[in-house]
Protein backbone atom coordinates (compact mmCIF):
# COMPACT_ATOMS: atom_id res chain seq x y z
CA MET A 1 -0.09 0.15 -0.06
CA ASP A 2 1.35 3.07 -0.85
CA GLN A 3 1.81 6.28 1.57
CA GLU A 4 -0.91 8.19 -0.23
CA GLN A 5 -3.66 5.29 -0.66
CA GLY A 6 -4.39 4.28 2.70
CA ALA A 7 -4.18 3.12 6.26
CA GLY A 8 -0.75 2.16 7.88
CA GLY A 9 1.35 3.14 4.80
CA THR A 10 5.20 4.24 5.91
CA GLY A 11 6.46 5.37 2.22
CA PRO A 12 6.64 3.03 -0.72
CA ALA A 13 10.53 2.45 -0.54
CA GLY A 14 10.13 1.45 3.23
CA ARG A 15 7.81 -0.89 2.66
CA ARG A 16 9.33 -2.35 -0.79
CA ARG A 17 12.41 -2.85 1.29
CA PHE A 18 11.02 -4.43 4.41
CA ILE A 19 9.13 -6.92 1.82
CA ALA A 20 11.81 -7.79 -0.59
CA ILE A 21 14.76 -7.99 1.82
CA ALA A 22 12.55 -10.60 2.94
CA ALA A 23 25.05 -14.77 -28.75
CA THR A 24 21.70 -16.56 -30.40
CA GLY A 25 21.11 -19.72 -31.02
CA ALA A 26 19.60 -23.42 -29.88
CA VAL A 27 21.99 -24.72 -27.38
CA THR A 28 22.55 -28.41 -27.18
CA ALA A 29 21.45 -29.62 -24.30
CA VAL A 30 22.71 -32.56 -22.19
CA GLY A 31 19.85 -34.41 -19.33
CA ILE A 32 20.32 -35.11 -16.05
CA GLY A 33 19.21 -38.69 -15.12
CA ALA A 34 17.38 -39.77 -11.09
CA THR A 35 20.68 -40.80 -9.78
CA ALA A 36 23.06 -38.22 -11.88
CA GLY A 37 26.53 -38.08 -9.45
CA CYS A 38 24.55 -37.60 -6.38
CA ALA A 39 22.86 -39.65 -3.64
CA SER A 40 19.27 -39.61 -2.70
CA GLY A 41 19.06 -36.23 -0.30
CA GLY A 42 21.72 -34.12 -1.74
CA GLY A 43 25.27 -33.89 -3.85
CA GLY A 44 26.26 -32.47 -7.02
CA ALA A 45 24.40 -33.62 -10.14
CA LYS A 46 27.74 -34.63 -13.25
CA GLU A 47 27.15 -33.39 -16.81
CA THR A 48 26.07 -36.08 -19.09
CA GLY A 49 25.53 -36.69 -22.67
CA ALA A 50 24.21 -38.50 -25.28
CA GLY A 51 25.36 -42.35 -25.48
CA GLU A 52 25.88 -42.64 -21.86
CA ASP A 53 24.12 -45.83 -19.43
CA PRO A 54 20.65 -44.29 -18.56
CA LYS A 55 21.67 -46.11 -15.02
CA SER A 56 24.89 -44.15 -14.76
CA GLY A 57 22.78 -40.58 -15.09
CA GLY A 58 22.88 -40.35 -18.17
CA SER A 59 20.63 -41.64 -22.01
CA PRO A 60 21.20 -42.93 -24.67
CA SER A 61 19.32 -39.51 -26.95
CA GLY A 62 20.88 -37.46 -23.83
CA ALA A 63 16.84 -36.67 -22.82
CA PRO A 64 16.42 -36.99 -19.02
CA ASP A 65 14.31 -39.29 -17.88
CA THR A 66 11.12 -37.66 -16.36
CA SER A 67 9.02 -38.46 -13.76
CA LYS A 68 5.98 -40.62 -14.85
CA ALA A 69 2.15 -40.47 -13.64
CA ALA A 70 0.65 -43.25 -11.35
CA PRO A 71 -0.82 -45.94 -13.88
CA GLY A 72 -3.97 -45.06 -15.61
CA SER A 73 -4.49 -41.25 -13.90
CA GLY A 74 -2.90 -39.37 -17.07
CA VAL A 75 -2.12 -36.95 -13.66
CA PHE A 76 1.20 -35.63 -13.32
CA ASP A 77 2.99 -38.05 -10.12
CA VAL A 78 3.93 -35.78 -7.31
CA ARG A 79 4.80 -38.58 -5.03
CA ALA A 80 6.75 -40.23 -7.70
CA GLU A 81 8.91 -36.88 -8.73
CA ASN A 82 9.68 -36.25 -5.07
CA ALA A 83 10.78 -39.90 -4.83
CA ARG A 84 13.29 -39.34 -6.80
CA PRO A 85 16.93 -38.30 -5.75
CA GLY A 86 16.83 -34.21 -4.77
CA ASN A 87 20.26 -32.17 -4.92
CA ALA A 88 20.72 -30.02 -1.94
CA ASP A 89 23.50 -27.90 -3.75
CA TRP A 90 20.84 -25.83 -5.87
CA HIS A 91 21.63 -22.66 -3.30
CA VAL A 92 23.87 -19.66 -4.95
CA THR A 93 26.92 -19.52 -3.05
CA LYS A 94 28.78 -17.64 -5.02
CA ALA A 95 27.08 -14.55 -6.47
CA GLY A 96 29.66 -12.62 -7.19
CA SER A 97 29.45 -8.85 -8.38
CA ALA A 98 26.03 -7.10 -9.06
CA ARG A 99 26.28 -7.86 -12.55
CA ALA A 100 28.48 -10.67 -12.36
CA ILE A 101 26.17 -12.91 -14.45
CA GLU A 102 22.01 -12.58 -14.81
CA GLY A 103 19.35 -13.13 -17.07
CA PHE A 104 15.92 -13.81 -18.04
CA ALA A 105 13.52 -16.20 -19.61
CA ASP A 106 11.16 -14.83 -22.53
CA ARG A 107 8.44 -16.78 -21.24
CA VAL A 108 7.13 -16.36 -17.87
CA SER A 109 6.09 -20.17 -18.17
CA VAL A 110 5.87 -23.19 -20.92
CA ILE A 111 3.92 -26.31 -21.01
CA PRO A 112 6.48 -29.32 -21.07
CA GLY A 113 7.86 -29.77 -24.25
CA GLU A 114 8.07 -26.23 -25.41
CA SER A 115 10.62 -24.23 -25.75
CA PHE A 116 11.86 -21.01 -24.59
CA GLY A 117 14.57 -18.26 -25.01
CA LEU A 118 17.30 -17.28 -22.25
CA HIS A 119 18.83 -13.71 -22.38
CA VAL A 120 22.03 -14.00 -20.26
CA SER A 121 24.63 -11.32 -19.43
CA THR A 122 27.55 -11.98 -18.02
CA ALA A 123 31.29 -10.64 -18.24
CA ALA A 124 32.51 -14.27 -17.97
CA PRO A 125 33.86 -16.38 -21.25
CA ARG A 126 32.04 -18.84 -20.58
CA PHE A 127 28.89 -20.11 -17.89
CA THR A 128 26.33 -22.86 -17.59
CA VAL A 129 22.52 -22.77 -16.75
CA SER A 130 21.11 -25.73 -14.46
CA ALA A 131 17.60 -26.17 -14.31
CA TYR A 132 16.32 -27.12 -10.78
CA ARG A 133 12.56 -28.35 -10.30
CA MET A 134 12.03 -27.15 -6.70
CA GLY A 135 9.84 -29.29 -4.94
CA TRP A 136 10.33 -31.61 -1.50
CA TYR A 137 13.27 -33.97 -2.48
CA GLY A 138 13.01 -35.67 0.56
CA GLY A 139 14.55 -32.17 2.40
CA ALA A 140 16.82 -30.96 -0.25
CA ARG A 141 13.98 -29.16 -1.79
CA ALA A 142 15.22 -29.06 -5.24
CA ARG A 143 16.26 -31.64 -8.00
CA LEU A 144 18.39 -31.15 -11.03
CA VAL A 145 16.42 -32.04 -14.04
CA TRP A 146 18.50 -30.51 -16.78
CA ARG A 147 22.07 -28.81 -16.94
CA SER A 148 23.21 -27.47 -20.38
CA GLN A 149 27.18 -27.45 -22.03
CA ALA A 150 28.60 -24.58 -21.66
CA LEU A 151 27.93 -21.44 -23.27
CA PRO A 152 29.72 -18.25 -24.73
CA GLY A 153 29.36 -15.52 -22.06
CA VAL A 154 29.01 -11.60 -23.68
CA ARG A 155 28.06 -8.62 -22.04
CA GLN A 156 24.72 -7.37 -22.92
CA PRO A 157 23.69 -3.52 -23.22
CA GLU A 158 22.78 -1.31 -20.73
CA HIS A 159 19.09 -1.31 -19.51
CA THR A 160 17.01 1.41 -20.93
CA VAL A 161 14.20 3.50 -19.36
CA ASP A 162 11.50 4.66 -21.06
CA ALA A 163 10.59 7.97 -21.22
CA GLY A 164 6.83 8.38 -20.56
CA THR A 165 6.30 5.15 -17.76
CA ARG A 166 9.81 4.89 -16.51
CA MET A 167 9.91 1.31 -17.19
CA VAL A 168 13.19 -0.61 -17.25
CA ARG A 169 13.99 -2.97 -20.12
CA THR A 170 17.05 -4.51 -20.83
CA ARG A 171 17.06 -5.01 -24.71
CA TRP A 172 19.37 -8.24 -24.59
CA SER A 173 20.03 -10.69 -27.60
CA ARG A 174 18.58 -14.25 -27.08
CA THR A 175 21.79 -16.11 -25.34
CA THR A 176 20.38 -19.72 -25.79
CA THR A 177 16.97 -21.70 -26.59
CA VAL A 178 15.93 -24.35 -24.02
CA ASP A 179 13.89 -27.21 -24.91
CA THR A 180 12.00 -28.46 -22.03
CA GLY A 181 10.97 -31.80 -23.63
CA GLY A 182 11.19 -34.34 -20.72
CA TRP A 183 10.75 -32.12 -18.06
CA PRO A 184 8.21 -32.57 -15.34
CA GLU A 185 5.58 -29.90 -14.67
CA GLY A 186 6.83 -27.84 -11.46
CA CYS A 187 7.96 -24.42 -10.30
CA TYR A 188 12.19 -23.99 -11.54
CA LEU A 189 15.33 -21.96 -10.50
CA LEU A 190 17.38 -21.82 -13.44
CA ARG A 191 21.06 -21.43 -12.03
CA LEU A 192 23.50 -19.37 -14.20
CA ASP A 193 26.96 -20.46 -13.29
CA ALA A 194 29.98 -18.30 -14.68
CA GLN A 195 32.81 -20.00 -15.41
CA GLY A 196 36.39 -18.68 -14.92
CA ALA A 197 35.22 -15.95 -12.80
CA GLU A 198 32.79 -16.16 -9.31
CA GLY A 199 29.01 -15.15 -10.78
CA GLN A 200 25.52 -17.21 -10.07
CA ARG A 201 22.37 -16.45 -9.99
CA PHE A 202 18.60 -17.77 -10.50
CA VAL A 203 15.95 -17.31 -13.47
CA PRO A 204 12.68 -18.37 -12.27
CA LEU A 205 10.76 -20.55 -14.48
CA THR A 206 7.39 -22.38 -14.29
CA VAL A 207 6.93 -25.08 -16.46
CA ARG A 208 3.47 -25.35 -15.88
CA SER A 209 0.19 -27.74 -16.16
CA ALA A 210 -2.08 -27.79 -19.29
CA SER A 211 -5.09 -29.13 -17.30
CA THR A 212 -5.61 -28.32 -13.53
CA LYS A 213 -9.21 -30.77 -13.20
CA GLY A 214 -9.05 -32.56 -9.93
CA ARG A 215 -5.75 -31.06 -8.38
CA THR A 216 -4.80 -28.47 -5.88
CA VAL A 217 -3.03 -25.51 -8.19
CA ILE A 218 -0.21 -23.36 -7.22
CA VAL A 219 -0.13 -19.97 -8.33
CA ASN A 220 3.36 -18.43 -8.80
CA ALA A 221 2.81 -14.87 -8.18
CA VAL A 222 4.82 -13.37 -11.47
CA ALA A 223 2.95 -10.01 -11.33
CA THR A 224 3.87 -9.03 -7.86
CA TRP A 225 7.24 -10.10 -7.86
CA GLN A 226 7.65 -8.03 -10.73
CA ALA A 227 6.15 -5.08 -9.46
CA TYR A 228 8.71 -5.52 -6.65
CA ASN A 229 11.37 -5.80 -9.00
CA ARG A 230 13.67 -2.84 -9.03
CA ARG A 231 16.80 -3.92 -11.77
CA GLY A 232 17.58 -1.16 -13.19
CA GLY A 233 16.45 0.87 -10.44
CA TYR A 234 12.55 1.50 -10.86
CA GLY A 235 9.91 -0.65 -9.70
CA SER A 236 6.25 0.11 -8.90
CA TYR A 237 7.33 1.63 -5.95
CA ASP A 238 10.20 4.51 -6.33
CA GLY A 239 12.62 4.70 -8.37
CA PRO A 240 16.62 6.06 -7.84
CA SER A 241 15.08 8.89 -5.81
CA GLY A 242 13.45 6.55 -3.06
CA GLY A 243 10.27 8.99 -4.12
CA TYR A 244 6.85 7.50 -4.76
CA ALA A 245 6.46 10.17 -7.96
CA SER A 246 9.11 8.54 -10.09
CA ARG A 247 7.78 5.11 -9.57
CA SER A 248 7.64 3.22 -12.89
CA LEU A 249 3.97 3.11 -13.95
CA ALA A 250 4.57 -0.46 -15.79
CA VAL A 251 7.17 -3.24 -15.48
CA THR A 252 8.51 -5.53 -17.24
CA PHE A 253 9.21 -9.24 -17.47
CA ASP A 254 11.96 -8.44 -20.05
CA ARG A 255 14.61 -7.95 -17.32
CA PRO A 256 16.40 -10.06 -14.68
CA TYR A 257 14.76 -9.70 -11.13
CA GLU A 258 17.06 -7.80 -8.61
CA TYR A 259 16.06 -9.43 -5.31
CA ASP A 260 17.18 -12.94 -3.58
CA ASP A 261 20.17 -13.43 -6.21
CA GLY A 262 17.28 -13.22 -9.08
CA ALA A 263 15.03 -15.53 -7.92
CA GLY A 264 12.24 -12.31 -6.78
CA LEU A 265 10.10 -12.91 -4.13
CA PHE A 266 9.80 -16.84 -4.93
CA LEU A 267 11.93 -18.38 -2.40
CA VAL A 268 10.46 -16.47 0.71
CA TYR A 269 6.71 -16.57 -0.14
CA GLU A 270 6.59 -19.78 -2.45
CA ALA A 271 8.63 -22.19 -1.96
CA PRO A 272 8.15 -23.24 1.34
CA LEU A 273 4.67 -23.93 0.57
CA ILE A 274 5.32 -25.96 -2.69
CA ALA A 275 7.64 -28.29 -0.51
CA LEU A 276 5.14 -28.69 2.14
CA ALA A 277 2.36 -29.61 -0.38
CA GLU A 278 5.01 -32.02 -2.27
CA ARG A 279 6.16 -33.73 0.64
CA LEU A 280 2.37 -34.53 1.38
CA GLY A 281 1.80 -35.43 -2.30
CA THR A 282 -1.05 -33.20 -2.86
CA PRO A 283 -2.09 -33.89 -6.48
CA LEU A 284 -1.00 -30.40 -7.50
CA ALA A 285 -0.92 -28.26 -11.14
CA TYR A 286 1.21 -25.30 -11.53
CA THR A 287 0.83 -22.27 -13.13
CA THR A 288 0.78 -18.28 -12.80
CA THR A 289 -1.12 -15.09 -12.35
CA THR A 290 -0.32 -14.73 -16.06
CA ASP A 291 -1.85 -17.29 -17.49
CA VAL A 292 -4.85 -17.54 -15.24
CA ALA A 293 -5.85 -14.07 -16.34
CA ARG A 294 -5.15 -15.32 -20.36
CA GLU A 295 -6.83 -18.63 -20.27
CA LYS A 296 -10.63 -18.26 -18.80
CA ARG A 297 -11.05 -22.29 -18.45
CA LEU A 298 -7.81 -22.74 -17.08
CA LEU A 299 -9.28 -23.62 -13.50
CA GLU A 300 -12.58 -25.44 -14.38
CA GLY A 301 -12.50 -28.59 -12.65
CA ALA A 302 -9.60 -27.39 -9.67
CA ALA A 303 -10.27 -29.03 -6.46
CA ALA A 304 -8.33 -25.95 -5.02
CA VAL A 305 -6.25 -22.81 -6.02
CA LEU A 306 -3.70 -21.61 -3.81
CA SER A 307 -2.60 -18.18 -3.17
CA PRO A 308 1.04 -17.60 -1.97
CA GLY A 309 2.10 -15.44 0.41
CA HIS A 310 2.72 -12.50 -1.34
CA ASP A 311 0.33 -12.04 -4.47
CA GLU A 312 -0.98 -8.39 -4.58
CA TYR A 313 -1.28 -7.48 -8.28
CA TRP A 314 -4.13 -8.82 -9.99
CA SER A 315 -5.84 -7.97 -13.64
CA PRO A 316 -9.51 -8.18 -13.99
CA GLU A 317 -9.07 -11.49 -16.00
CA GLN A 318 -7.63 -12.91 -13.20
CA ARG A 319 -9.89 -12.09 -10.88
CA ALA A 320 -13.27 -13.03 -12.86
CA HIS A 321 -11.51 -16.49 -13.28
CA VAL A 322 -10.35 -17.21 -9.69
CA THR A 323 -14.44 -15.95 -8.64
CA ALA A 324 -16.38 -18.21 -11.66
CA ALA A 325 -14.13 -21.42 -9.90
CA ARG A 326 -14.76 -20.59 -6.33
CA ASP A 327 -18.54 -20.45 -7.66
CA ALA A 328 -18.28 -23.98 -9.58
CA GLY A 329 -16.93 -25.11 -6.60
CA THR A 330 -13.11 -24.79 -6.43
CA ASN A 331 -11.45 -24.18 -2.80
CA ILE A 332 -9.70 -21.03 -2.52
CA ALA A 333 -6.88 -20.77 -0.38
CA ILE A 334 -4.88 -17.14 0.64
CA LEU A 335 -1.99 -18.29 2.25
CA GLY A 336 -0.73 -14.71 2.64
CA ALA A 337 -2.17 -10.88 2.95
CA ASN A 338 -2.74 -8.16 0.74
CA CYS A 339 -4.20 -10.33 -2.11
CA CYS A 340 -5.92 -9.40 -4.89
CA TYR A 341 -5.45 -5.66 -3.75
CA ARG A 342 -3.94 -3.83 -6.88
CA ARG A 343 -5.97 -3.74 -10.07
CA ILE A 344 -3.27 -4.16 -13.43
CA ARG A 345 -3.45 -4.41 -16.88
CA LEU A 346 -1.56 -7.16 -18.96
CA GLU A 347 0.42 -5.68 -21.80
CA PRO A 348 2.78 -7.30 -24.33
CA SER A 349 6.38 -6.16 -24.73
CA ASP A 350 8.53 -6.81 -27.71
CA LEU A 351 9.18 -10.25 -26.61
CA GLY A 352 5.98 -11.35 -26.41
CA PRO A 353 2.13 -11.09 -24.81
CA ASP A 354 1.22 -10.59 -21.26
CA ARG A 355 4.94 -8.96 -20.25
CA THR A 356 3.99 -5.94 -19.30
CA VAL A 357 2.71 -5.06 -15.87
CA VAL A 358 0.65 -1.25 -15.97
CA CYS A 359 -0.38 -0.10 -12.28
CA TYR A 360 -0.84 3.68 -12.83
CA LYS A 361 -2.27 3.53 -9.11
CA SER A 362 -3.02 7.18 -8.50
CA SER A 363 -2.24 8.52 -11.84
CA TYR A 364 -4.74 6.31 -13.59
CA ALA A 365 -5.91 9.35 -15.30
CA GLN A 366 -2.87 9.97 -17.28
CA ASP A 367 -2.83 5.99 -18.48
CA PRO A 368 -3.46 5.74 -22.17
CA GLY A 369 -5.30 2.27 -21.37
CA PHE A 370 -7.52 3.78 -19.31
CA LYS A 371 -8.41 6.49 -21.98
CA ARG A 372 -8.83 4.11 -24.16
CA GLY A 373 -11.86 2.69 -22.32
CA HIS A 374 -9.90 -0.08 -20.00
CA PRO A 375 -10.40 -0.42 -16.01
CA ALA A 376 -8.46 1.78 -14.17
CA THR A 377 -5.38 0.23 -12.67
CA VAL A 378 -6.01 1.50 -9.45
CA ASP A 379 -6.53 -0.33 -6.02
CA PHE A 380 -9.53 -2.78 -6.53
CA ARG A 381 -11.41 -0.93 -3.56
CA SER A 382 -11.01 2.47 -5.08
CA ALA A 383 -13.02 4.57 -7.67
CA PRO A 384 -13.74 4.56 -10.48
CA ALA A 385 -15.30 0.88 -10.43
CA ALA A 386 -14.40 0.43 -7.21
CA ASP A 387 -14.89 -3.27 -5.93
CA PRO A 388 -12.96 -4.37 -2.83
CA GLU A 389 -11.45 -7.74 -2.76
CA SER A 390 -12.93 -8.69 0.47
CA SER A 391 -16.07 -9.90 -2.07
CA LEU A 392 -13.68 -12.65 -2.50
CA LEU A 393 -11.25 -12.76 0.18
CA GLY A 394 -13.66 -12.78 3.26
CA VAL A 395 -11.13 -10.59 4.34
CA ILE A 396 -9.85 -7.20 3.60
CA TYR A 397 -6.14 -5.37 3.85
CA ASP A 398 -5.97 -3.25 6.52
CA GLY A 399 -2.66 -2.20 6.72
CA TYR A 400 1.39 -1.83 6.99
CA PRO A 401 3.95 -2.23 9.15
CA VAL A 402 2.93 -4.49 11.51
CA ASP A 403 5.01 -7.04 13.71
CA ALA A 404 2.28 -8.83 16.20
CA PRO A 405 1.88 -12.05 17.67
CA TYR A 406 -0.50 -14.07 16.56
CA VAL A 407 -3.69 -14.94 18.56
CA VAL A 408 -5.80 -18.19 18.67
CA THR A 409 -9.37 -17.44 19.30
CA GLN A 410 -11.84 -20.80 18.01
CA PRO A 411 -8.80 -23.55 19.08
CA GLY A 412 -11.83 -26.55 18.56
CA HIS A 413 -11.97 -25.35 14.71
CA TRP A 414 -10.83 -28.14 12.51
CA LEU A 415 -7.98 -26.38 10.91
CA PHE A 416 -6.28 -26.43 14.26
CA GLU A 417 -6.77 -29.66 14.60
CA GLY A 418 -3.86 -31.62 15.81
CA THR A 419 -1.92 -28.34 17.27
CA GLY A 420 -2.60 -28.57 20.30
CA VAL A 421 -3.48 -24.83 20.62
CA LYS A 422 -5.98 -23.46 23.59
CA ALA A 423 -7.95 -20.32 23.03
CA GLY A 424 -5.48 -17.08 23.76
CA ASP A 425 -2.52 -18.83 22.25
CA GLY A 426 -0.48 -16.27 21.14
CA PHE A 427 3.08 -16.84 18.34
CA ALA A 428 5.44 -14.01 18.32
CA HIS A 429 5.91 -11.67 15.35
CA LEU A 430 3.81 -14.33 13.06
CA VAL A 431 1.48 -11.06 11.75
CA GLY A 432 3.44 -8.90 9.81
CA VAL A 433 4.35 -7.01 8.15
CA GLU A 434 1.15 -6.53 6.15
CA TYR A 435 -2.81 -8.13 7.65
CA ASP A 436 -6.06 -8.78 6.64
CA LYS A 437 -8.80 -8.16 8.75
CA VAL A 438 -12.52 -9.30 8.25
CA ASP A 439 -14.65 -5.31 7.96
CA THR A 440 -18.00 -5.55 7.36
CA GLY A 441 -18.06 -1.93 5.83
CA PHE A 442 -16.64 -3.73 3.06
CA PRO A 443 -18.76 -6.56 0.72
CA THR A 444 -18.33 -9.84 3.31
CA PRO A 445 -19.48 -13.12 2.13
CA ARG A 446 -20.93 -14.68 4.97
CA PRO A 447 -21.14 -17.31 6.58
CA ILE A 448 -17.59 -16.20 7.33
CA GLU A 449 -15.72 -17.57 10.99
CA ILE A 450 -12.52 -16.18 12.18
CA ILE A 451 -10.89 -18.13 14.06
CA ALA A 452 -7.50 -15.90 15.35
CA HIS A 453 -7.87 -12.50 15.97
CA SER A 454 -5.04 -10.56 17.12
CA PRO A 455 -4.24 -7.28 18.30
CA VAL A 456 -2.14 -5.01 16.05
CA VAL A 457 -0.94 -1.37 16.49
CA CYS A 458 -0.33 -0.08 12.95
CA GLU A 459 1.56 3.43 13.07
CA GLY A 460 -0.52 4.50 16.29
CA ARG A 461 -4.04 2.91 15.42
CA PRO A 462 -5.26 -0.09 17.44
CA SER A 463 -6.81 -2.79 14.83
CA HIS A 464 -7.07 -6.19 14.60
CA GLN A 465 -5.59 -9.10 12.19
CA ASP A 466 -7.87 -12.06 11.25
CA THR A 467 -7.55 -15.59 10.15
CA ALA A 468 -11.34 -16.97 8.53
CA TYR A 469 -12.47 -19.08 6.44
CA HIS A 470 -15.92 -19.13 4.70
CA THR A 471 -17.73 -20.97 2.68
CA VAL A 472 -20.13 -20.39 -0.76
CA ALA A 473 -23.14 -21.85 -2.40
CA SER A 474 -21.51 -23.74 -4.36
CA GLY A 475 -19.71 -25.41 -1.79
CA ALA A 476 -16.56 -23.96 -2.28
CA GLY A 477 -14.66 -22.77 1.06
CA VAL A 478 -12.16 -19.97 1.01
CA PHE A 479 -9.36 -19.61 3.54
CA ALA A 480 -7.56 -16.44 4.25
CA THR A 481 -4.23 -16.46 6.62
CA GLY A 482 -4.62 -12.48 7.13
CA THR A 483 -0.78 -12.20 7.40
CA MET A 484 1.77 -12.30 5.14
CA ARG A 485 4.30 -14.67 7.57
CA TRP A 486 2.08 -17.69 6.88
CA VAL A 487 4.04 -19.53 4.30
CA GLU A 488 7.81 -17.84 5.86
CA ALA A 489 6.50 -19.23 9.05
CA LEU A 490 6.67 -23.06 7.70
CA ASP A 491 10.50 -22.95 7.45
CA ALA A 492 10.83 -21.22 10.73
CA LYS A 493 13.12 -23.25 13.19
CA GLY A 494 14.69 -22.68 16.54
CA ASP A 495 13.53 -20.14 18.95
CA GLY A 496 13.79 -17.16 16.71
CA ARG A 497 16.61 -15.55 18.32
CA GLY A 498 18.90 -15.86 15.46
CA GLY A 499 16.96 -13.00 13.50
CA GLY A 500 15.99 -15.08 10.44
CA ASN A 501 12.58 -15.67 9.61
CA HIS A 502 11.73 -11.96 10.95
CA GLY A 503 12.12 -13.97 14.33
CA LEU A 504 9.91 -16.48 13.75
CA ASP A 505 10.05 -19.61 15.91
CA ALA A 506 9.68 -23.38 15.94
CA ARG A 507 6.37 -23.18 17.46
CA SER A 508 5.29 -20.83 14.99
CA GLY A 509 6.46 -23.20 12.22
CA ALA A 510 4.77 -26.33 14.04
CA LEU A 511 1.23 -24.22 13.95
CA THR A 512 1.32 -23.03 10.40
CA THR A 513 2.72 -26.17 9.04
CA ARG A 514 -0.16 -28.33 10.83
CA VAL A 515 -3.03 -26.02 9.85
CA THR A 516 -1.68 -25.89 6.17
CA GLU A 517 -1.21 -29.51 6.08
CA ASN A 518 -5.10 -29.70 7.27
CA LEU A 519 -5.94 -27.51 4.85
CA LEU A 520 -4.37 -28.91 1.44
CA ARG A 521 -5.70 -32.28 3.04
CA VAL A 522 -9.54 -31.12 2.90
CA PHE A 523 -9.35 -29.05 0.18
CA ALA A 524 -8.05 -31.38 -2.14
CA ALA A 525 -11.05 -33.57 -1.53
CA GLY A 526 -13.38 -31.32 -2.99
CA PRO A 527 -15.93 -28.57 -2.14
CA ALA A 528 -14.87 -28.04 1.67
CA GLY A 529 -17.85 -26.37 2.49
CA ARG A 530 -19.96 -29.30 1.65
CA THR A 531 -18.17 -31.26 4.58
CA HIS A 532 -17.03 -28.18 6.55
CA PRO A 533 -19.27 -25.31 6.66
CA ALA A 534 -18.76 -22.22 8.31
CA ARG A 535 -20.50 -20.91 11.12
CA ASP A 536 -20.59 -17.44 11.06
CA ASN A 537 -19.20 -15.65 14.46
CA VAL A 538 -18.32 -12.37 13.13
CA ASP A 539 -21.12 -10.54 15.86
CA ALA A 540 -19.33 -12.70 18.49
CA VAL A 541 -15.81 -11.48 17.63
CA TYR A 542 -16.56 -8.13 16.79
CA GLY A 543 -19.99 -7.39 18.86
CA ARG A 544 -21.59 -5.96 15.62
CA SER A 545 -23.05 -7.11 12.41
């Protein structure tokens, strides 16, 4: 939320920092098999080539050995994939200087077997690309699916800044083309490794599912990742001066991600959720916010849709398609806060469709698209054509920044089963940095059940954070955590004193893990409202209707 636009805003630059500090041609690829150079649970993978014995990690064709679905299921088998040996060496450990190596893909997502272009800039003479599928893998959290041969490095031109929108673009030549034949569906980090000089960076990519029927859908929040990306000095919150007025009015996927060694917001707000869901063996499908917006029928028949830890920027089309899924019985889980807050428009870039995220915010009247009749790219709750996010989510964004204990108020609720919590139990630092609440001053679906009601003070203003569950006529259940730290907390360990994960401790890790397990199991089984109807308690909690 921007300072000028509502409750709880410090400066937009402060908000951004707080949240985030959470040669053209086709490459000859080599496959990485199930046992390539590593033992289960870790170890590096070696490069293998055509003609090697598949049992030693290669294949006669040089193609990867992909996971198989369960017999007759026709659906990607998450359990079989995660039973394969993982590669714990996927992390960036030698980042090097700021521009040592970096890159981006010219497709946000691909169907397995499709190709994409990789645009890389590096001062190193050569580099390799390693594709890691992110998941559980016995705790390794990734599996090496593919590795390139060494490719020639080249330093690409400096970025440009559009005078009208202050949009940063890196107009880089395509370095290589990558074929995803044999790659399993899932969320990937491609690691670029400089050779002859220090430097590593990630490039995220979603190998998306062609169908979501009967599956729980992981939706990578790529529009939000890009809004918070400040590669080139500009993002959707500020420019080099740090001021709101110098922000980008449009941002593009035609540039590397600045944060988290090129991973954007994926590692903090999404990877822990994916690891948990894959560990459980939940039947999963994988897609992105841009795919949901573009494909009207993509979510048809899905068991559930998961919005991860920070999923702020939505197009009207995405919202309409998620709402239609809910109204057809698909469960919705909002595992963060400040979700569906900004209304955006997706436009093409030089490299393809839906690669520009337009969000003018309070300057919407200047937007050429608005002048042509497109919806204003303002907050969903704001005029013109206000449509508060609460009508879908049940909760509504209430402020930033906060850091407060999470307080359980309905310990007998099915979501808390197996946690051992009691009414009034608190979990330090679990509410933050942004939070949501139930506020019937906005459109609010009923019945809605508040299961945690946590006092907060947001820049001197007393309020509450709410975790809420509501059900609708289709039978769908909708769950909202009301805090941005939920997914991050899934990885919390120890006593919280080490400074990681905002001070979250093992108690918070255990709570959020068990609640999320309960949620995933029930939501994967079908319309949750039919077996677990919400029992409205707004009056009891707030003393009003």
